[in-house]
Amino acid sequence: MRRTLPLALAATAVAASAMAATAIPASVAAATPDTVRWGPCSEKAASSRLECATLNVPLDYRDPDGRQIEIAISRLASEKPSQRRGVLLTNPGGPGITGLGYPAALAASGLPRKVLDSYDVIGFDPRGVGRSTPVTCDLTPEQQKRGNLPPYAHTAADVAREAGNARTVAEQCASSRTAWMHPHTTTANTARDMDRIRAALGEPKLSYLGASYGTYLGAVYTTMFPGHSDRIVLDSSLGPGGYDVTAMRLFARGLEDRFPDFAAFVAAHPEYGLGTTPKQVTAEFFDLAKRLEAKPVQGYDGNLFRGITFDALYSDANMPQLAKTWQTLDTDRPTPPNPPLPNMENFMSARFSVICGDSRWPETVREYQRNVAIDRLRHPMLGGSSAGIGPCAFWPDKRVEPPVRIGDRGPSNVLMVQNERDPGTPLAGAQKLRRAFGKRATMVTADQGGHGVYPFGANTCANDAVTAFLTTGQRPARDLACAAEPSR
């Protein structure tokens, strides 16, 4: 049977596995737009300090008194009221990922006590996601199994064939029972929802910690609401265009930025039988991909093989298991289980709404064929997939508003933190965002691989810089490069 492509192929949240273990509300308390009434998130979470509530916000902010939708929010309150300085709104990435459990996941993953004391840490399900009036594209199980990147295209004909699947998904989104929501499920409207959350909590400003896609959300928020932005931390950044066609194509570069770390790990462990030099391990990647495309092994085809490799390299901790998976595929032995992801239909539907609605994508098959031909040569590990055609090519032309342009107007209150070898949000994209922010931002880079720095990474130099900014407001005087440190 075919297996679902990894969640990380959509540039997902850091610590998604930690979030999955956090109780998500079975029900939430009602709230008015200017009053939040906190209640327990669920019976299972009764012993947790995490509280939940809902807010009503406009579907269309051009018609604030019109149709309303719900936004589910959560709070991990400071236990030191005398030290509390405000709220820290958080987002784990996506788009399409629930964020209600993220405050608890951050605390469990090492968010420093002085940060937890300084803020009420706030989570939320963005509009269209989870408990916040979810969207759907009525995706079939087979469509969900296809995942979020097109199959690897070796020829122009492969791209043309995939165009039919992409068009079908776009048409389903446009005709689904939540079609009325899709045009309004955008990053700009989620940023407006964030400001409604700030106002409902009675806060003049909010601080923010966003990872992966959450960096673009934070960049859009502080661009649209500079006067309401306090301390803004962007961890593992997309470029200034957000999750657009450029970001999608950068996945291929990200994998090749990151892969040498894995190749060195495998080469240092000859017991895997995958090569004793990085060059041999790299050759094994291409050999396995080719063999699995010709003859899948236990449900793993070449596309899934590329996907699980990309996905696993989000964290150093995954490398031993990835090497074992390669070993089993190489020798046709039983493979480890790869269970389907929960709520995949909503995740994919919300993701399509946001990325297709935020910006314009190429609309002709020929342009995707050209992009694939370029990226397949430039970045052969993943370029034939990440440059391929998806539903955004056939999205309705009408957009509610143009993309938000990220620039240097506003207070100098942004701290960017970034791994040098990040597969999901490569350094090249983060550097473009840094340039777009100009004087508004300072950037800390860490000489390490993986997706996500704070507080999950091992680099104390980078982590300490973020903690200092959140607790004291002090950033490095200039952009800072943190040297490599031993793994924990």
Protein backbone atom coordinates (compact mmCIF):
# COMPACT_ATOMS: atom_id res chain seq x y z
CA MET A 1 0.00 0.00 0.00
CA ARG A 2 1.16 3.54 -0.66
CA ARG A 3 2.17 5.68 2.25
CA THR A 4 1.47 9.32 2.92
CA LEU A 5 4.25 11.72 2.00
CA PRO A 6 5.91 13.36 5.01
CA LEU A 7 4.46 16.46 6.60
CA ALA A 8 7.78 18.23 6.39
CA LEU A 9 7.36 18.45 2.63
CA ALA A 10 5.13 21.40 3.34
CA ALA A 11 7.74 23.25 5.41
CA THR A 12 5.96 22.34 8.58
CA ALA A 13 6.42 23.19 12.17
CA VAL A 14 9.43 22.45 14.21
CA ALA A 15 8.49 20.14 17.07
CA ALA A 16 5.41 18.85 15.30
CA SER A 17 5.82 15.55 17.07
CA ALA A 18 5.84 17.29 20.43
CA MET A 19 2.67 19.12 19.48
CA ALA A 20 0.96 15.92 18.47
CA ALA A 21 1.35 14.65 22.01
CA THR A 22 -0.26 17.76 23.45
CA ALA A 23 -3.97 17.61 24.17
CA ILE A 24 -6.03 19.54 21.65
CA PRO A 25 -9.28 21.00 22.96
CA ALA A 26 -12.38 18.91 22.72
CA SER A 27 -14.38 22.07 23.29
CA VAL A 28 -13.57 25.69 23.88
CA ALA A 29 -15.18 28.48 25.84
CA ALA A 30 -17.16 31.18 24.06
CA ALA A 31 -15.88 34.73 23.90
CA THR A 32 -16.90 38.14 22.62
CA PRO A 33 -14.50 40.15 20.44
CA ASP A 34 -13.28 42.17 23.41
CA THR A 35 -13.47 39.62 26.21
CA VAL A 36 -11.67 36.31 26.53
CA ARG A 37 -13.12 33.71 28.88
CA TRP A 38 -10.57 30.99 29.47
CA GLY A 39 -11.58 27.44 30.21
CA PRO A 40 -10.00 23.99 30.25
CA CYS A 41 -8.83 22.71 26.88
CA SER A 42 -10.12 19.18 27.45
CA GLU A 43 -10.65 16.63 30.16
CA LYS A 44 -7.36 14.95 29.26
CA ALA A 45 -5.56 18.23 29.74
CA ALA A 46 -7.19 18.97 33.10
CA SER A 47 -3.85 18.68 34.87
CA SER A 48 -2.17 20.94 32.32
CA ARG A 49 -1.94 24.68 32.79
CA LEU A 50 -2.97 25.22 29.19
CA GLU A 51 -6.29 27.07 28.87
CA CYS A 52 -8.45 27.60 25.80
CA ALA A 53 -11.04 30.02 24.45
CA THR A 54 -12.52 31.22 21.16
CA LEU A 55 -12.89 34.59 19.49
CA ASN A 56 -15.20 35.64 16.71
CA VAL A 57 -13.52 37.55 13.88
CA PRO A 58 -14.75 38.82 10.51
CA LEU A 59 -14.48 36.48 7.57
CA ASP A 60 -13.77 39.54 5.43
CA TYR A 61 -12.19 42.51 7.18
CA ARG A 62 -13.58 44.80 4.47
CA ASP A 63 -16.97 43.94 5.98
CA PRO A 64 -16.23 43.82 9.72
CA ASP A 65 -19.88 43.48 10.71
CA GLY A 66 -20.56 40.72 8.19
CA ARG A 67 -20.13 36.99 8.46
CA GLN A 68 -17.98 35.89 11.40
CA ILE A 69 -15.74 32.87 11.89
CA GLU A 70 -14.20 31.38 15.02
CA ILE A 71 -10.56 31.47 16.05
CA ALA A 72 -9.49 29.01 18.76
CA ILE A 73 -6.76 30.29 21.09
CA SER A 74 -4.81 28.89 24.02
CA ARG A 75 -2.78 30.31 26.90
CA LEU A 76 0.05 29.12 29.09
CA ALA A 77 -0.11 31.84 31.72
CA SER A 78 2.95 33.20 33.49
CA GLU A 79 3.24 31.88 37.03
CA LYS A 80 5.10 35.03 38.10
CA PRO A 81 2.67 37.94 37.68
CA SER A 82 5.22 40.38 39.04
CA GLN A 83 7.62 39.44 36.25
CA ARG A 84 5.04 39.24 33.45
CA ARG A 85 5.63 41.85 30.76
CA GLY A 86 2.96 40.88 28.22
CA VAL A 87 1.93 38.15 25.80
CA LEU A 88 4.07 36.06 23.47
CA LEU A 89 1.97 34.90 20.52
CA THR A 90 3.35 31.79 18.85
CA ASN A 91 2.99 29.96 15.55
CA PRO A 92 4.71 26.65 14.71
CA GLY A 93 4.59 26.90 10.93
CA GLY A 94 2.64 25.20 8.20
CA PRO A 95 0.49 26.69 6.79
CA GLY A 96 -2.26 24.33 7.83
CA ILE A 97 -0.84 23.31 11.21
CA THR A 98 -2.72 23.56 14.48
CA GLY A 99 -1.04 25.79 17.03
CA LEU A 100 -3.25 25.35 20.10
CA GLY A 101 -0.84 22.92 21.71
CA TYR A 102 2.29 24.83 20.76
CA PRO A 103 2.75 26.79 24.03
CA ALA A 104 2.80 23.52 25.98
CA ALA A 105 5.12 21.94 23.39
CA LEU A 106 7.52 24.86 23.68
CA ALA A 107 7.55 24.60 27.46
CA ALA A 108 8.14 20.84 27.30
CA SER A 109 10.95 21.35 24.79
CA GLY A 110 13.00 23.70 26.88
CA LEU A 111 11.59 27.22 26.56
CA PRO A 112 13.57 28.92 29.36
CA ARG A 113 11.84 29.57 32.64
CA LYS A 114 12.58 33.28 32.48
CA VAL A 115 10.71 33.48 29.17
CA LEU A 116 7.76 31.53 30.60
CA ASP A 117 7.74 33.89 33.59
CA SER A 118 7.92 36.99 31.37
CA TYR A 119 4.93 36.18 29.19
CA ASP A 120 1.59 34.55 28.86
CA VAL A 121 2.46 32.25 25.94
CA ILE A 122 -0.43 32.26 23.47
CA GLY A 123 -1.20 29.67 20.81
CA PHE A 124 -3.92 29.59 18.18
CA ASP A 125 -5.29 27.63 15.28
CA PRO A 126 -5.07 29.98 12.28
CA ARG A 127 -8.27 30.58 10.34
CA GLY A 128 -9.22 27.54 8.33
CA VAL A 129 -7.27 25.16 10.56
CA GLY A 130 -8.34 22.67 13.22
CA ARG A 131 -10.76 24.25 15.67
CA SER A 132 -10.80 27.63 13.91
CA THR A 133 -13.64 27.17 11.38
CA PRO A 134 -11.78 24.64 9.21
CA VAL A 135 -11.69 24.63 5.43
CA THR A 136 -11.89 21.59 3.19
CA CYS A 137 -11.17 20.72 -0.43
CA ASP A 138 -12.96 17.37 -0.07
CA LEU A 139 -9.69 15.61 -0.78
CA THR A 140 -10.01 11.88 -1.31
CA PRO A 141 -7.79 9.44 0.59
CA GLU A 142 -5.82 8.89 -2.60
CA GLN A 143 -5.29 12.63 -3.04
CA GLN A 144 -4.14 12.90 0.54
CA LYS A 145 -1.65 10.08 0.00
CA ARG A 146 -0.16 11.97 -2.92
CA GLY A 147 1.08 14.56 -0.45
CA ASN A 148 2.06 18.15 -1.00
CA LEU A 149 4.76 17.94 -3.64
CA PRO A 150 4.19 16.67 -7.17
CA PRO A 151 5.77 13.36 -8.19
CA TYR A 152 9.33 13.65 -9.42
CA ALA A 153 9.18 14.66 -13.09
CA HIS A 154 11.89 13.25 -15.34
CA THR A 155 10.37 14.62 -18.55
CA ALA A 156 8.09 17.39 -19.77
CA ALA A 157 5.42 14.74 -20.31
CA ASP A 158 5.53 13.90 -16.58
CA VAL A 159 4.67 17.53 -15.79
CA ALA A 160 1.83 17.56 -18.30
CA ARG A 161 0.36 14.39 -16.81
CA GLU A 162 0.47 15.80 -13.29
CA ALA A 163 -1.34 18.95 -14.44
CA GLY A 164 -4.59 17.00 -14.56
CA ASN A 165 -4.34 16.03 -10.90
CA ALA A 166 -3.44 19.59 -9.93
CA ARG A 167 -6.41 21.03 -11.82
CA THR A 168 -8.80 18.55 -10.18
CA VAL A 169 -7.70 19.55 -6.68
CA ALA A 170 -8.05 23.27 -7.49
CA GLU A 171 -11.56 22.68 -8.82
CA GLN A 172 -12.50 20.69 -5.71
CA CYS A 173 -11.33 23.53 -3.47
CA ALA A 174 -13.36 26.04 -5.50
CA SER A 175 -16.53 23.92 -5.29
CA SER A 176 -16.25 22.54 -1.74
CA ARG A 177 -18.72 23.31 1.02
CA THR A 178 -16.20 25.83 2.44
CA ALA A 179 -15.49 27.52 -0.90
CA TRP A 180 -16.76 30.77 0.66
CA MET A 181 -13.78 30.71 3.04
CA HIS A 182 -10.93 29.97 0.66
CA PRO A 183 -10.47 33.50 -0.76
CA HIS A 184 -10.24 34.88 2.78
CA THR A 185 -7.92 32.20 4.22
CA THR A 186 -4.73 34.18 3.66
CA THR A 187 -1.70 35.22 5.65
CA ALA A 188 -2.80 38.85 5.70
CA ASN A 189 -6.16 37.94 7.22
CA THR A 190 -4.48 35.64 9.75
CA ALA A 191 -2.30 38.62 10.73
CA ARG A 192 -5.47 40.67 11.21
CA ASP A 193 -6.83 37.86 13.38
CA MET A 194 -3.64 38.07 15.45
CA ASP A 195 -4.30 41.73 16.07
CA ARG A 196 -7.85 40.90 17.14
CA ILE A 197 -6.36 38.41 19.61
CA ARG A 198 -4.05 41.13 20.94
CA ALA A 199 -6.95 43.54 21.39
CA ALA A 200 -9.18 40.90 23.00
CA LEU A 201 -6.42 40.17 25.53
CA GLY A 202 -6.26 43.85 26.39
CA GLU A 203 -2.63 44.22 25.31
CA PRO A 204 -1.30 47.38 23.64
CA LYS A 205 1.38 45.30 21.89
CA LEU A 206 2.27 41.68 21.38
CA SER A 207 5.55 39.86 21.14
CA TYR A 208 5.84 36.98 18.72
CA LEU A 209 7.74 33.73 18.21
CA GLY A 210 7.12 32.10 14.83
CA ALA A 211 8.89 29.24 13.09
CA SER A 212 9.05 28.18 9.44
CA TYR A 213 5.93 29.54 7.65
CA GLY A 214 5.28 31.31 10.96
CA THR A 215 8.18 33.63 10.08
CA TYR A 216 6.29 34.95 7.09
CA LEU A 217 3.17 35.33 9.22
CA GLY A 218 5.18 37.31 11.76
CA ALA A 219 6.81 39.41 9.05
CA VAL A 220 3.40 40.24 7.60
CA TYR A 221 2.00 41.08 11.05
CA THR A 222 4.79 43.47 11.99
CA THR A 223 4.55 45.07 8.53
CA MET A 224 0.80 45.60 8.80
CA PHE A 225 0.78 46.48 12.51
CA PRO A 226 4.19 48.00 13.33
CA GLY A 227 2.79 50.03 16.21
CA HIS A 228 1.35 46.94 17.88
CA SER A 229 4.56 44.88 17.52
CA ASP A 230 6.80 44.45 20.54
CA ARG A 231 9.60 41.84 20.26
CA ILE A 232 9.38 39.79 17.06
CA VAL A 233 11.39 36.56 16.74
CA LEU A 234 11.44 34.78 13.37
CA ASP A 235 12.97 31.29 13.52
CA SER A 236 13.90 29.56 10.22
CA SER A 237 12.66 32.11 7.75
CA LEU A 238 11.02 31.98 4.39
CA GLY A 239 11.94 34.69 1.92
CA PRO A 240 10.03 37.98 1.72
CA GLY A 241 7.53 36.45 -0.71
CA GLY A 242 6.45 33.88 1.85
CA TYR A 243 5.44 30.41 0.75
CA ASP A 244 5.44 31.19 -2.97
CA VAL A 245 6.77 29.38 -6.03
CA THR A 246 10.30 30.51 -5.14
CA ALA A 247 10.05 28.99 -1.66
CA MET A 248 8.70 25.75 -3.10
CA ARG A 249 11.60 25.49 -5.51
CA LEU A 250 14.07 26.25 -2.69
CA PHE A 251 13.22 22.93 -1.03
CA ALA A 252 15.51 21.29 -3.58
CA ARG A 253 18.37 23.55 -2.63
CA GLY A 254 17.59 23.00 1.04
CA LEU A 255 17.92 19.25 0.74
CA GLU A 256 21.29 19.58 -0.96
CA ASP A 257 22.48 22.14 1.62
CA ARG A 258 21.62 19.64 4.33
CA PHE A 259 22.43 16.27 2.76
CA PRO A 260 26.23 16.42 3.36
CA ASP A 261 25.57 16.24 7.11
CA PHE A 262 23.73 12.95 6.63
CA ALA A 263 26.27 11.62 4.16
CA ALA A 264 29.05 12.26 6.69
CA PHE A 265 27.03 10.53 9.43
CA VAL A 266 26.40 7.43 7.31
CA ALA A 267 29.99 7.27 6.08
CA ALA A 268 31.14 7.26 9.70
CA HIS A 269 28.92 4.21 10.37
CA PRO A 270 29.91 1.51 7.88
CA GLU A 271 27.63 -0.96 9.65
CA TYR A 272 24.74 0.46 7.61
CA GLY A 273 26.38 -0.79 4.41
CA LEU A 274 25.48 2.39 2.53
CA GLY A 275 28.97 3.64 1.76
CA THR A 276 32.13 4.58 3.61
CA THR A 277 32.59 8.01 2.04
CA PRO A 278 30.12 10.88 1.58
CA LYS A 279 30.48 10.46 -2.18
CA GLN A 280 29.41 6.81 -1.94
CA VAL A 281 26.41 7.71 0.26
CA THR A 282 25.33 10.35 -2.24
CA ALA A 283 25.57 7.82 -5.06
CA GLU A 284 23.49 5.41 -2.98
CA PHE A 285 20.72 8.04 -2.77
CA PHE A 286 20.42 8.25 -6.54
CA ASP A 287 20.73 4.50 -6.97
CA LEU A 288 17.98 3.76 -4.44
CA ALA A 289 15.69 6.41 -5.91
CA LYS A 290 16.12 4.95 -9.39
CA ARG A 291 15.55 1.37 -8.24
CA LEU A 292 12.45 2.28 -6.24
CA GLU A 293 11.00 4.21 -9.16
CA ALA A 294 11.40 1.11 -11.31
CA LYS A 295 10.18 -1.31 -8.64
CA PRO A 296 8.72 -0.07 -5.33
CA VAL A 297 9.66 -1.96 -2.17
CA GLN A 298 6.91 -2.54 0.41
CA GLY A 299 5.01 0.55 -0.72
CA TYR A 300 8.04 2.82 -0.97
CA ASP A 301 8.50 4.27 -4.45
CA GLY A 302 11.11 6.78 -5.55
CA ASN A 303 8.90 9.74 -4.70
CA LEU A 304 8.26 8.58 -1.15
CA PHE A 305 11.93 7.71 -0.71
CA ARG A 306 12.95 11.26 -1.63
CA GLY A 307 10.23 12.58 0.66
CA ILE A 308 11.14 10.60 3.76
CA THR A 309 14.80 11.53 3.27
CA PHE A 310 13.95 15.23 3.08
CA ASP A 311 11.58 14.97 6.01
CA ALA A 312 14.00 13.14 8.31
CA LEU A 313 16.78 15.65 7.75
CA TYR A 314 14.80 18.29 9.62
CA SER A 315 16.54 16.95 12.76
CA ASP A 316 19.90 15.32 13.54
CA ALA A 317 18.05 12.96 15.88
CA ASN A 318 16.36 11.32 12.88
CA MET A 319 19.56 10.33 11.10
CA PRO A 320 20.02 6.85 12.64
CA GLN A 321 16.43 5.86 11.82
CA LEU A 322 16.73 7.25 8.30
CA ALA A 323 19.90 5.24 7.73
CA LYS A 324 18.12 2.09 8.95
CA THR A 325 15.22 2.79 6.59
CA TRP A 326 17.61 3.16 3.67
CA GLN A 327 19.26 -0.10 4.73
CA THR A 328 15.96 -2.00 4.76
CA LEU A 329 14.96 -0.60 1.37
CA ASP A 330 18.38 -1.44 -0.07
CA THR A 331 18.11 -5.05 1.08
CA ASP A 332 14.31 -5.45 0.71
CA ARG A 333 13.79 -6.24 4.37
CA PRO A 334 10.70 -5.22 6.40
CA THR A 335 10.46 -1.44 6.63
CA PRO A 336 9.45 0.54 9.72
CA PRO A 337 5.82 1.67 9.95
CA ASN A 338 4.91 4.96 8.32
CA PRO A 339 1.44 5.77 9.68
CA PRO A 340 -0.73 8.38 7.98
CA LEU A 341 -0.69 11.83 9.50
CA PRO A 342 -3.71 13.00 11.50
CA ASN A 343 -6.05 15.58 9.97
CA MET A 344 -4.23 15.43 6.65
CA GLU A 345 -7.26 16.58 4.67
CA ASN A 346 -7.67 19.81 6.64
CA PHE A 347 -3.92 20.41 6.70
CA MET A 348 -3.59 20.13 2.93
CA SER A 349 -6.77 22.12 2.24
CA ALA A 350 -5.76 24.99 4.49
CA ARG A 351 -2.28 24.96 3.05
CA PHE A 352 -3.60 25.23 -0.52
CA SER A 353 -5.88 28.10 0.51
CA VAL A 354 -3.03 30.10 2.00
CA ILE A 355 -0.23 29.52 -0.46
CA CYS A 356 -2.42 29.77 -3.55
CA GLY A 357 -4.28 32.81 -2.23
CA ASP A 358 -1.27 34.72 -0.95
CA SER A 359 0.54 35.09 -4.27
CA ARG A 360 0.28 34.34 -7.96
CA TRP A 361 1.89 31.18 -9.29
CA PRO A 362 2.86 30.33 -12.87
CA GLU A 363 -0.28 29.44 -14.80
CA THR A 364 1.03 27.54 -17.82
CA VAL A 365 2.22 23.97 -17.96
CA ARG A 366 5.10 25.11 -20.14
CA GLU A 367 6.53 27.31 -17.38
CA TYR A 368 6.53 24.43 -14.90
CA GLN A 369 8.16 22.22 -17.51
CA ARG A 370 10.89 24.82 -17.91
CA ASN A 371 11.35 25.16 -14.12
CA VAL A 372 11.57 21.38 -13.70
CA ALA A 373 14.15 21.11 -16.48
CA ILE A 374 16.29 23.76 -14.77
CA ASP A 375 15.95 22.49 -11.20
CA ARG A 376 16.35 18.83 -12.11
CA LEU A 377 19.82 19.69 -13.40
CA ARG A 378 20.68 22.23 -10.73
CA HIS A 379 19.40 20.25 -7.73
CA PRO A 380 18.80 16.68 -8.92
CA MET A 381 17.89 15.20 -5.54
CA LEU A 382 14.51 16.95 -5.33
CA GLY A 383 14.33 19.57 -8.10
CA GLY A 384 12.23 17.43 -10.41
CA SER A 385 9.53 17.44 -7.73
CA SER A 386 9.67 20.78 -5.95
CA ALA A 387 9.57 22.72 -9.24
CA GLY A 388 6.58 20.72 -10.48
CA ILE A 389 3.00 21.75 -11.03
CA GLY A 390 0.41 21.92 -8.23
CA PRO A 391 -3.13 23.23 -7.62
CA CYS A 392 -1.97 26.86 -7.36
CA ALA A 393 -1.43 26.84 -11.14
CA PHE A 394 -5.21 26.52 -11.57
CA TRP A 395 -6.39 28.64 -8.64
CA PRO A 396 -9.08 31.24 -9.40
CA ASP A 397 -7.50 34.40 -10.78
CA LYS A 398 -9.41 36.70 -8.43
CA ARG A 399 -7.50 37.56 -5.25
CA VAL A 400 -8.99 39.48 -2.32
CA GLU A 401 -5.89 41.69 -2.08
CA PRO A 402 -2.29 41.81 -3.32
CA PRO A 403 0.52 40.26 -1.29
CA VAL A 404 1.92 42.24 1.63
CA ARG A 405 5.27 43.76 0.72
CA ILE A 406 7.85 43.25 3.45
CA GLY A 407 10.12 46.29 3.80
CA ASP A 408 12.20 48.35 6.20
CA ARG A 409 9.53 50.74 7.48
CA GLY A 410 8.77 50.32 11.17
CA PRO A 411 10.58 49.88 14.48
CA SER A 412 13.85 47.99 14.71
CA ASN A 413 12.38 45.11 16.71
CA VAL A 414 12.89 41.93 14.65
CA LEU A 415 15.35 39.16 15.54
CA MET A 416 15.87 36.46 12.92
CA VAL A 417 17.54 33.18 13.88
CA GLN A 418 18.56 30.62 11.29
CA ASN A 419 20.49 27.39 10.80
CA GLU A 420 23.04 27.49 8.01
CA ARG A 421 21.91 24.13 6.60
CA ASP A 422 18.13 24.14 6.89
CA PRO A 423 16.33 21.89 4.38
CA GLY A 424 12.86 23.39 4.79
CA THR A 425 13.65 27.11 4.87
CA PRO A 426 17.13 27.40 3.37
CA LEU A 427 19.55 30.11 4.39
CA ALA A 428 19.28 31.71 0.94
CA GLY A 429 15.63 32.60 1.54
CA ALA A 430 16.27 33.90 5.05
CA GLN A 431 19.03 36.16 3.74
CA LYS A 432 16.58 37.71 1.28
CA LEU A 433 14.14 38.43 4.10
CA ARG A 434 16.96 39.93 6.16
CA ARG A 435 17.81 42.30 3.30
CA ALA A 436 14.14 43.23 2.86
CA PHE A 437 13.84 44.18 6.56
CA GLY A 438 16.92 46.39 6.42
CA LYS A 439 17.39 48.31 9.65
CA ARG A 440 14.37 46.63 11.25
CA ALA A 441 16.11 43.28 11.79
CA THR A 442 19.19 41.62 13.22
CA MET A 443 20.02 38.08 12.14
CA VAL A 444 21.74 35.28 14.06
CA THR A 445 22.97 32.29 12.07
CA ALA A 446 24.05 29.01 13.64
CA ASP A 447 26.59 26.65 12.07
CA GLN A 448 24.32 23.62 12.32
CA GLY A 449 21.83 21.71 10.21
CA GLY A 450 18.15 21.03 10.60
CA HIS A 451 14.92 22.97 10.64
CA GLY A 452 14.33 25.12 13.70
CA VAL A 453 16.68 26.77 16.16
CA TYR A 454 14.82 27.95 19.27
CA PRO A 455 14.51 26.39 21.77
CA PHE A 456 14.99 22.95 20.18
CA GLY A 457 18.50 23.29 18.72
CA ALA A 458 21.84 22.61 20.36
CA ASN A 459 23.50 25.95 19.65
CA THR A 460 23.63 27.87 22.94
CA CYS A 461 24.98 31.00 21.25
CA ALA A 462 21.87 31.28 19.06
CA ASN A 463 19.45 30.19 21.79
CA ASP A 464 20.90 32.64 24.31
CA ALA A 465 20.54 35.49 21.82
CA VAL A 466 16.81 34.79 21.46
CA THR A 467 16.26 34.42 25.21
CA ALA A 468 18.07 37.69 25.87
CA PHE A 469 15.95 39.52 23.31
CA LEU A 470 12.66 38.16 24.62
CA THR A 471 13.50 38.89 28.25
CA THR A 472 15.57 42.10 28.04
CA GLY A 473 14.88 43.51 24.61
CA GLN A 474 18.60 43.46 23.79
CA ARG A 475 19.72 42.09 20.42
CA PRO A 476 23.26 41.59 19.13
CA ALA A 477 24.68 44.92 17.99
CA ARG A 478 25.04 43.51 14.48
CA ASP A 479 24.31 40.31 12.62
CA LEU A 480 25.91 37.42 14.47
CA ALA A 481 27.38 34.13 13.24
CA CYS A 482 27.39 31.42 15.92
CA ALA A 483 30.06 28.74 15.57
CA ALA A 484 29.23 25.06 15.57
CA GLU A 485 28.78 23.45 18.98
CA PRO A 486 28.75 19.77 20.00
CA SER A 487 25.35 18.08 19.83
CA ARG A 488 23.54 17.67 23.13
